[in-house]
N, C-alpha and C. Protein backbone atom coordinates (compact mmCIF):
# COMPACT_ATOMS: atom_id res chain seq x y z
N MET A 1 -61.14 64.08 50.73
CA MET A 1 -59.98 64.09 51.58
C MET A 1 -59.07 65.19 51.07
N SER A 2 -58.59 66.01 51.95
CA SER A 2 -57.76 67.13 51.50
C SER A 2 -56.29 66.78 51.61
N ASP A 3 -55.51 67.47 50.80
CA ASP A 3 -54.06 67.28 50.82
C ASP A 3 -53.37 68.43 51.53
N THR A 4 -54.07 69.09 52.41
CA THR A 4 -53.47 70.21 53.12
C THR A 4 -52.47 69.70 54.14
N PRO A 5 -51.38 70.46 54.34
CA PRO A 5 -50.38 69.99 55.29
C PRO A 5 -50.91 70.00 56.71
N ASN A 6 -50.47 69.05 57.47
CA ASN A 6 -50.78 68.99 58.88
C ASN A 6 -49.79 69.91 59.58
N THR A 7 -50.30 70.94 60.28
CA THR A 7 -49.41 71.95 60.84
C THR A 7 -48.55 71.40 61.98
N GLU A 8 -49.02 70.35 62.65
CA GLU A 8 -48.25 69.80 63.76
C GLU A 8 -47.04 69.00 63.28
N THR A 9 -47.20 68.23 62.21
CA THR A 9 -46.11 67.36 61.77
C THR A 9 -45.45 67.84 60.49
N GLY A 10 -46.11 68.74 59.76
CA GLY A 10 -45.56 69.22 58.50
C GLY A 10 -45.76 68.25 57.36
N ARG A 11 -46.49 67.15 57.57
CA ARG A 11 -46.74 66.18 56.52
C ARG A 11 -48.15 66.35 56.01
N ASN A 12 -48.41 65.84 54.83
CA ASN A 12 -49.76 65.87 54.29
C ASN A 12 -50.66 64.98 55.11
N ALA A 13 -51.90 65.38 55.26
CA ALA A 13 -52.86 64.61 56.04
C ALA A 13 -53.08 63.24 55.42
N ARG A 14 -53.01 63.14 54.09
CA ARG A 14 -53.26 61.88 53.40
C ARG A 14 -52.19 60.84 53.73
N THR A 15 -50.95 61.23 53.91
CA THR A 15 -49.87 60.28 54.16
C THR A 15 -49.46 60.23 55.62
N ASP A 16 -50.32 60.72 56.50
CA ASP A 16 -49.99 60.79 57.91
C ASP A 16 -50.20 59.45 58.61
N TYR A 17 -50.58 58.42 57.89
CA TYR A 17 -50.82 57.11 58.48
C TYR A 17 -50.42 56.02 57.51
N ASP A 18 -50.28 54.84 58.05
CA ASP A 18 -49.96 53.66 57.26
C ASP A 18 -51.22 52.83 57.12
N ALA A 19 -51.86 52.88 55.98
CA ALA A 19 -53.06 52.08 55.76
C ALA A 19 -52.65 50.67 55.36
N LEU A 20 -53.46 49.70 55.73
CA LEU A 20 -53.18 48.31 55.42
C LEU A 20 -54.31 47.76 54.56
N ASN A 21 -53.97 47.11 53.49
CA ASN A 21 -54.97 46.46 52.65
C ASN A 21 -55.34 45.14 53.32
N THR A 22 -56.43 45.16 54.08
CA THR A 22 -56.81 43.97 54.83
C THR A 22 -57.24 42.83 53.91
N ASP A 23 -57.74 43.16 52.71
CA ASP A 23 -58.11 42.10 51.76
C ASP A 23 -56.88 41.30 51.34
N ALA A 24 -55.80 41.99 51.03
CA ALA A 24 -54.56 41.30 50.64
C ALA A 24 -54.02 40.48 51.81
N MET A 25 -54.09 41.02 53.01
CA MET A 25 -53.58 40.30 54.16
C MET A 25 -54.45 39.08 54.48
N GLN A 26 -55.76 39.17 54.15
CA GLN A 26 -56.62 38.00 54.31
C GLN A 26 -56.15 36.87 53.41
N TRP A 27 -55.77 37.19 52.18
CA TRP A 27 -55.28 36.18 51.26
C TRP A 27 -53.99 35.55 51.78
N VAL A 28 -53.13 36.36 52.38
CA VAL A 28 -51.89 35.82 52.95
C VAL A 28 -52.23 34.84 54.07
N SER A 29 -53.14 35.24 54.96
CA SER A 29 -53.54 34.36 56.05
C SER A 29 -54.21 33.09 55.54
N ALA A 30 -55.04 33.21 54.51
CA ALA A 30 -55.70 32.04 53.94
C ALA A 30 -54.68 31.08 53.32
N LEU A 31 -53.67 31.63 52.64
CA LEU A 31 -52.63 30.80 52.06
C LEU A 31 -51.85 30.05 53.14
N VAL A 32 -51.53 30.73 54.23
CA VAL A 32 -50.82 30.08 55.34
C VAL A 32 -51.69 28.97 55.93
N ALA A 33 -52.99 29.22 56.07
CA ALA A 33 -53.90 28.19 56.60
C ALA A 33 -53.94 26.97 55.68
N LEU A 34 -53.96 27.20 54.38
CA LEU A 34 -53.96 26.08 53.43
C LEU A 34 -52.65 25.30 53.49
N ILE A 35 -51.55 25.99 53.66
CA ILE A 35 -50.26 25.29 53.81
C ILE A 35 -50.29 24.45 55.08
N GLY A 36 -50.89 24.98 56.15
CA GLY A 36 -51.05 24.21 57.38
C GLY A 36 -51.84 22.93 57.15
N LEU A 37 -52.91 23.02 56.35
CA LEU A 37 -53.69 21.82 56.02
C LEU A 37 -52.86 20.82 55.21
N TYR A 38 -52.01 21.33 54.31
CA TYR A 38 -51.13 20.44 53.54
C TYR A 38 -50.18 19.70 54.48
N ILE A 39 -49.64 20.42 55.47
CA ILE A 39 -48.72 19.80 56.42
C ILE A 39 -49.44 18.69 57.18
N VAL A 40 -50.69 18.92 57.54
CA VAL A 40 -51.47 17.89 58.25
C VAL A 40 -51.70 16.68 57.36
N ALA A 41 -52.04 16.90 56.10
CA ALA A 41 -52.41 15.80 55.21
C ALA A 41 -51.22 15.03 54.66
N SER A 42 -50.08 15.68 54.51
CA SER A 42 -48.94 15.06 53.82
C SER A 42 -48.44 13.75 54.43
N PRO A 43 -48.38 13.57 55.76
CA PRO A 43 -47.90 12.27 56.23
C PRO A 43 -48.87 11.12 55.98
N PHE A 44 -50.13 11.46 55.71
CA PHE A 44 -51.11 10.42 55.41
C PHE A 44 -51.11 10.07 53.91
N ILE A 45 -50.53 10.95 53.11
CA ILE A 45 -50.45 10.72 51.67
C ILE A 45 -49.13 10.06 51.30
N LEU A 46 -48.06 10.52 51.94
CA LEU A 46 -46.72 10.02 51.65
C LEU A 46 -46.28 9.03 52.72
N GLU A 47 -45.25 8.26 52.41
CA GLU A 47 -44.71 7.31 53.38
C GLU A 47 -44.14 8.08 54.57
N SER A 48 -44.54 7.67 55.79
CA SER A 48 -44.10 8.41 56.97
C SER A 48 -43.99 7.51 58.19
N THR A 49 -43.30 8.00 59.20
CA THR A 49 -43.18 7.30 60.48
C THR A 49 -44.24 7.83 61.43
N ASP A 50 -44.41 7.15 62.55
CA ASP A 50 -45.37 7.62 63.56
C ASP A 50 -44.98 8.99 64.10
N ALA A 51 -43.68 9.21 64.32
CA ALA A 51 -43.22 10.51 64.82
C ALA A 51 -43.53 11.62 63.82
N ALA A 52 -43.37 11.34 62.54
CA ALA A 52 -43.67 12.34 61.52
C ALA A 52 -45.16 12.64 61.47
N ILE A 53 -45.98 11.61 61.63
CA ILE A 53 -47.43 11.81 61.64
C ILE A 53 -47.82 12.74 62.79
N TRP A 54 -47.32 12.44 63.99
CA TRP A 54 -47.63 13.28 65.15
C TRP A 54 -47.12 14.70 64.97
N ASN A 55 -45.88 14.83 64.54
CA ASN A 55 -45.28 16.16 64.37
C ASN A 55 -46.06 16.98 63.35
N ASP A 56 -46.26 16.44 62.17
CA ASP A 56 -46.91 17.21 61.12
C ASP A 56 -48.38 17.49 61.44
N THR A 57 -49.05 16.56 62.09
CA THR A 57 -50.44 16.79 62.45
C THR A 57 -50.56 17.91 63.48
N LEU A 58 -49.74 17.87 64.52
CA LEU A 58 -49.82 18.90 65.55
C LEU A 58 -49.37 20.27 65.03
N VAL A 59 -48.25 20.30 64.35
CA VAL A 59 -47.72 21.57 63.84
C VAL A 59 -48.64 22.14 62.76
N GLY A 60 -49.09 21.31 61.84
CA GLY A 60 -49.98 21.77 60.79
C GLY A 60 -51.31 22.29 61.32
N THR A 61 -51.86 21.60 62.32
CA THR A 61 -53.11 22.05 62.94
C THR A 61 -52.91 23.40 63.64
N ALA A 62 -51.80 23.55 64.35
CA ALA A 62 -51.52 24.83 65.02
C ALA A 62 -51.35 25.95 64.00
N ILE A 63 -50.68 25.69 62.90
CA ILE A 63 -50.52 26.70 61.84
C ILE A 63 -51.89 27.05 61.25
N PHE A 64 -52.70 26.05 60.98
CA PHE A 64 -54.03 26.29 60.43
C PHE A 64 -54.86 27.15 61.39
N LEU A 65 -54.82 26.85 62.67
CA LEU A 65 -55.62 27.61 63.64
C LEU A 65 -55.13 29.04 63.81
N THR A 66 -53.82 29.24 63.85
CA THR A 66 -53.30 30.61 64.01
C THR A 66 -53.60 31.45 62.77
N ALA A 67 -53.40 30.89 61.59
CA ALA A 67 -53.69 31.63 60.37
C ALA A 67 -55.20 31.86 60.22
N GLY A 68 -55.98 30.88 60.60
CA GLY A 68 -57.44 31.03 60.55
C GLY A 68 -57.93 32.11 61.49
N TYR A 69 -57.32 32.21 62.67
CA TYR A 69 -57.67 33.27 63.62
C TYR A 69 -57.37 34.65 63.02
N ASN A 70 -56.20 34.80 62.43
CA ASN A 70 -55.87 36.09 61.82
C ASN A 70 -56.76 36.38 60.60
N PHE A 71 -57.11 35.36 59.84
CA PHE A 71 -58.05 35.54 58.73
C PHE A 71 -59.38 36.07 59.26
N TYR A 72 -59.86 35.49 60.35
CA TYR A 72 -61.13 35.92 60.94
C TYR A 72 -61.04 37.37 61.39
N ARG A 73 -59.96 37.73 62.07
CA ARG A 73 -59.79 39.13 62.53
C ARG A 73 -59.79 40.09 61.35
N LEU A 74 -59.07 39.74 60.30
CA LEU A 74 -59.01 40.62 59.13
C LEU A 74 -60.36 40.71 58.42
N SER A 75 -61.16 39.65 58.46
CA SER A 75 -62.47 39.68 57.82
C SER A 75 -63.44 40.59 58.59
N LYS A 76 -63.14 40.87 59.84
CA LYS A 76 -63.96 41.75 60.67
C LYS A 76 -63.40 43.18 60.72
N ASP A 77 -62.55 43.54 59.74
CA ASP A 77 -61.92 44.86 59.65
C ASP A 77 -61.10 45.20 60.88
N ARG A 78 -60.42 44.22 61.41
CA ARG A 78 -59.46 44.43 62.49
C ARG A 78 -58.10 44.01 61.96
N LEU A 79 -57.07 44.45 62.62
CA LEU A 79 -55.73 44.02 62.23
C LEU A 79 -55.48 42.60 62.71
N ALA A 80 -54.61 41.90 62.02
CA ALA A 80 -54.21 40.57 62.46
C ALA A 80 -53.40 40.71 63.74
N SER A 81 -53.45 39.71 64.58
CA SER A 81 -52.68 39.70 65.81
C SER A 81 -51.20 39.45 65.49
N VAL A 82 -50.36 40.38 65.90
CA VAL A 82 -48.93 40.24 65.64
C VAL A 82 -48.36 39.07 66.45
N GLY A 83 -48.84 38.88 67.65
CA GLY A 83 -48.38 37.77 68.48
C GLY A 83 -48.74 36.42 67.88
N VAL A 84 -49.94 36.31 67.37
CA VAL A 84 -50.38 35.05 66.74
C VAL A 84 -49.60 34.80 65.46
N ALA A 85 -49.37 35.86 64.68
CA ALA A 85 -48.58 35.70 63.46
C ALA A 85 -47.14 35.31 63.80
N SER A 86 -46.61 35.85 64.90
CA SER A 86 -45.26 35.50 65.33
C SER A 86 -45.19 34.04 65.77
N LEU A 87 -46.25 33.56 66.42
CA LEU A 87 -46.30 32.15 66.78
C LEU A 87 -46.30 31.28 65.52
N ALA A 88 -47.02 31.70 64.49
CA ALA A 88 -47.02 30.96 63.23
C ALA A 88 -45.62 30.96 62.60
N VAL A 89 -44.87 32.05 62.75
CA VAL A 89 -43.49 32.08 62.25
C VAL A 89 -42.67 31.01 62.96
N LEU A 90 -42.79 30.93 64.28
CA LEU A 90 -42.04 29.93 65.04
C LEU A 90 -42.44 28.51 64.65
N LEU A 91 -43.73 28.28 64.45
CA LEU A 91 -44.19 26.96 64.02
C LEU A 91 -43.65 26.63 62.63
N GLY A 92 -43.62 27.62 61.74
CA GLY A 92 -43.06 27.41 60.41
C GLY A 92 -41.58 27.09 60.47
N LEU A 93 -40.86 27.78 61.35
CA LEU A 93 -39.43 27.48 61.49
C LEU A 93 -39.21 26.08 62.04
N TRP A 94 -40.09 25.66 62.97
CA TRP A 94 -39.97 24.28 63.46
C TRP A 94 -40.24 23.28 62.34
N ALA A 95 -41.26 23.55 61.53
CA ALA A 95 -41.54 22.65 60.40
C ALA A 95 -40.36 22.62 59.43
N LEU A 96 -39.66 23.73 59.28
CA LEU A 96 -38.49 23.79 58.41
C LEU A 96 -37.36 22.90 58.91
N VAL A 97 -37.09 22.94 60.21
CA VAL A 97 -35.95 22.19 60.75
C VAL A 97 -36.31 20.82 61.29
N SER A 98 -37.59 20.53 61.49
CA SER A 98 -37.97 19.25 62.12
C SER A 98 -37.51 18.02 61.35
N PRO A 99 -37.43 18.03 60.00
CA PRO A 99 -36.92 16.83 59.34
C PRO A 99 -35.47 16.49 59.72
N SER A 100 -34.74 17.46 60.24
CA SER A 100 -33.37 17.19 60.69
C SER A 100 -33.34 16.44 62.01
N PHE A 101 -34.41 16.57 62.80
CA PHE A 101 -34.45 15.98 64.13
C PHE A 101 -35.37 14.77 64.23
N ILE A 102 -36.31 14.66 63.32
CA ILE A 102 -37.31 13.58 63.36
C ILE A 102 -37.19 12.75 62.09
N GLU A 103 -37.17 11.44 62.24
CA GLU A 103 -37.17 10.56 61.07
C GLU A 103 -38.55 10.66 60.42
N MET A 104 -38.57 11.14 59.19
CA MET A 104 -39.83 11.40 58.50
C MET A 104 -40.35 10.19 57.74
N GLY A 105 -39.49 9.29 57.32
CA GLY A 105 -39.94 8.11 56.60
C GLY A 105 -39.70 8.16 55.11
N SER A 106 -39.69 9.35 54.53
CA SER A 106 -39.41 9.48 53.10
C SER A 106 -38.82 10.86 52.84
N ASN A 107 -38.00 10.92 51.79
CA ASN A 107 -37.41 12.21 51.42
C ASN A 107 -38.46 13.19 50.93
N GLU A 108 -39.50 12.70 50.27
CA GLU A 108 -40.56 13.57 49.77
C GLU A 108 -41.27 14.28 50.91
N LEU A 109 -41.57 13.54 51.99
CA LEU A 109 -42.24 14.13 53.15
C LEU A 109 -41.31 15.14 53.84
N ALA A 110 -40.05 14.79 54.00
CA ALA A 110 -39.11 15.71 54.63
C ALA A 110 -38.96 17.00 53.83
N THR A 111 -38.83 16.87 52.53
CA THR A 111 -38.69 18.05 51.67
C THR A 111 -39.97 18.88 51.68
N GLY A 112 -41.11 18.24 51.58
CA GLY A 112 -42.39 18.96 51.59
C GLY A 112 -42.63 19.69 52.90
N THR A 113 -42.30 19.04 54.01
CA THR A 113 -42.47 19.68 55.32
C THR A 113 -41.53 20.88 55.45
N ALA A 114 -40.29 20.73 55.02
CA ALA A 114 -39.33 21.82 55.12
C ALA A 114 -39.73 23.01 54.24
N ILE A 115 -40.12 22.75 53.01
CA ILE A 115 -40.52 23.84 52.11
C ILE A 115 -41.79 24.52 52.62
N SER A 116 -42.72 23.73 53.11
CA SER A 116 -43.95 24.30 53.67
C SER A 116 -43.63 25.16 54.90
N GLY A 117 -42.73 24.69 55.73
CA GLY A 117 -42.34 25.47 56.91
C GLY A 117 -41.69 26.79 56.53
N LEU A 118 -40.85 26.76 55.51
CA LEU A 118 -40.22 27.99 55.04
C LEU A 118 -41.27 28.98 54.52
N ALA A 119 -42.24 28.48 53.75
CA ALA A 119 -43.30 29.35 53.23
C ALA A 119 -44.15 29.93 54.35
N VAL A 120 -44.49 29.11 55.34
CA VAL A 120 -45.27 29.59 56.48
C VAL A 120 -44.50 30.66 57.24
N ALA A 121 -43.23 30.41 57.50
CA ALA A 121 -42.42 31.38 58.25
C ALA A 121 -42.32 32.70 57.50
N ALA A 122 -42.08 32.66 56.21
CA ALA A 122 -41.92 33.88 55.42
C ALA A 122 -43.24 34.66 55.33
N LEU A 123 -44.33 33.98 55.01
CA LEU A 123 -45.61 34.67 54.87
C LEU A 123 -46.12 35.20 56.21
N SER A 124 -45.94 34.44 57.27
CA SER A 124 -46.38 34.90 58.59
C SER A 124 -45.52 36.05 59.10
N ALA A 125 -44.23 36.02 58.80
CA ALA A 125 -43.37 37.14 59.18
C ALA A 125 -43.80 38.41 58.47
N TYR A 126 -44.14 38.30 57.19
CA TYR A 126 -44.64 39.47 56.46
C TYR A 126 -45.95 39.95 57.07
N ASN A 127 -46.84 39.02 57.41
CA ASN A 127 -48.12 39.37 58.01
C ASN A 127 -47.90 40.11 59.33
N ALA A 128 -47.01 39.61 60.17
CA ALA A 128 -46.73 40.26 61.45
C ALA A 128 -46.13 41.65 61.24
N TYR A 129 -45.19 41.75 60.32
CA TYR A 129 -44.54 43.03 60.06
C TYR A 129 -45.53 44.06 59.53
N ALA A 130 -46.33 43.69 58.55
CA ALA A 130 -47.27 44.63 57.95
C ALA A 130 -48.33 45.08 58.95
N ASN A 131 -48.79 44.18 59.79
CA ASN A 131 -49.82 44.53 60.76
C ASN A 131 -49.24 45.34 61.92
N ARG A 132 -47.99 45.14 62.25
CA ARG A 132 -47.36 45.92 63.31
C ARG A 132 -47.19 47.37 62.89
N LYS A 133 -46.91 47.59 61.60
CA LYS A 133 -46.65 48.93 61.10
C LYS A 133 -47.92 49.72 60.76
N ALA A 134 -49.07 49.07 60.73
CA ALA A 134 -50.29 49.70 60.23
C ALA A 134 -51.13 50.27 61.36
N ASP A 135 -51.91 51.27 61.00
CA ASP A 135 -52.97 51.75 61.87
C ASP A 135 -54.16 50.83 61.70
N THR A 136 -55.02 50.82 62.68
CA THR A 136 -56.22 49.99 62.55
C THR A 136 -57.11 50.55 61.46
N PRO A 137 -57.88 49.72 60.78
CA PRO A 137 -58.78 50.22 59.73
C PRO A 137 -59.78 51.25 60.27
N GLU A 138 -60.19 51.13 61.53
CA GLU A 138 -61.12 52.10 62.10
C GLU A 138 -60.47 53.47 62.19
N GLN A 139 -59.19 53.53 62.58
CA GLN A 139 -58.48 54.82 62.66
C GLN A 139 -58.31 55.40 61.26
N THR A 140 -58.05 54.56 60.27
CA THR A 140 -57.87 55.03 58.91
C THR A 140 -59.16 55.66 58.39
N ARG A 141 -60.31 55.00 58.64
CA ARG A 141 -61.59 55.53 58.18
C ARG A 141 -61.93 56.83 58.90
N ALA A 142 -61.58 56.94 60.19
CA ALA A 142 -61.90 58.14 60.95
C ALA A 142 -61.15 59.35 60.43
N ARG A 143 -59.97 59.14 59.90
CA ARG A 143 -59.17 60.24 59.38
C ARG A 143 -59.62 60.69 57.99
N ALA A 144 -60.34 59.82 57.30
CA ALA A 144 -60.74 60.13 55.92
C ALA A 144 -61.79 61.23 55.85
């Protein structure tokens, strides 16, 4: 790969794109999926109400599926879907605030759901941001 300047933009050819480490982003997606599984399992482990069971099961399953979808895309050398990652952010934010609106049954479950929601929202927001700013891995390889 040469470091000669690109005459059209005046920048070096090597830095003319934003490469994304898809392996690192796979780990982020896998971590979000595991947090989603924790959200699903937590009302069955801790004292909870029926509303908390339904809420955490549905939200946790949706988080697991969205993060799993992005994990799959990244494993196939494609970028994660920014829309799907944004949906995971919204689900994480709901998990963060849902203990304020739904009787959870125990403080441990409410705290765990809120902290898990915050982690999902933060990691998914980073995933969406990084993938929005990056070129596809195929474009990166073509330029090399």
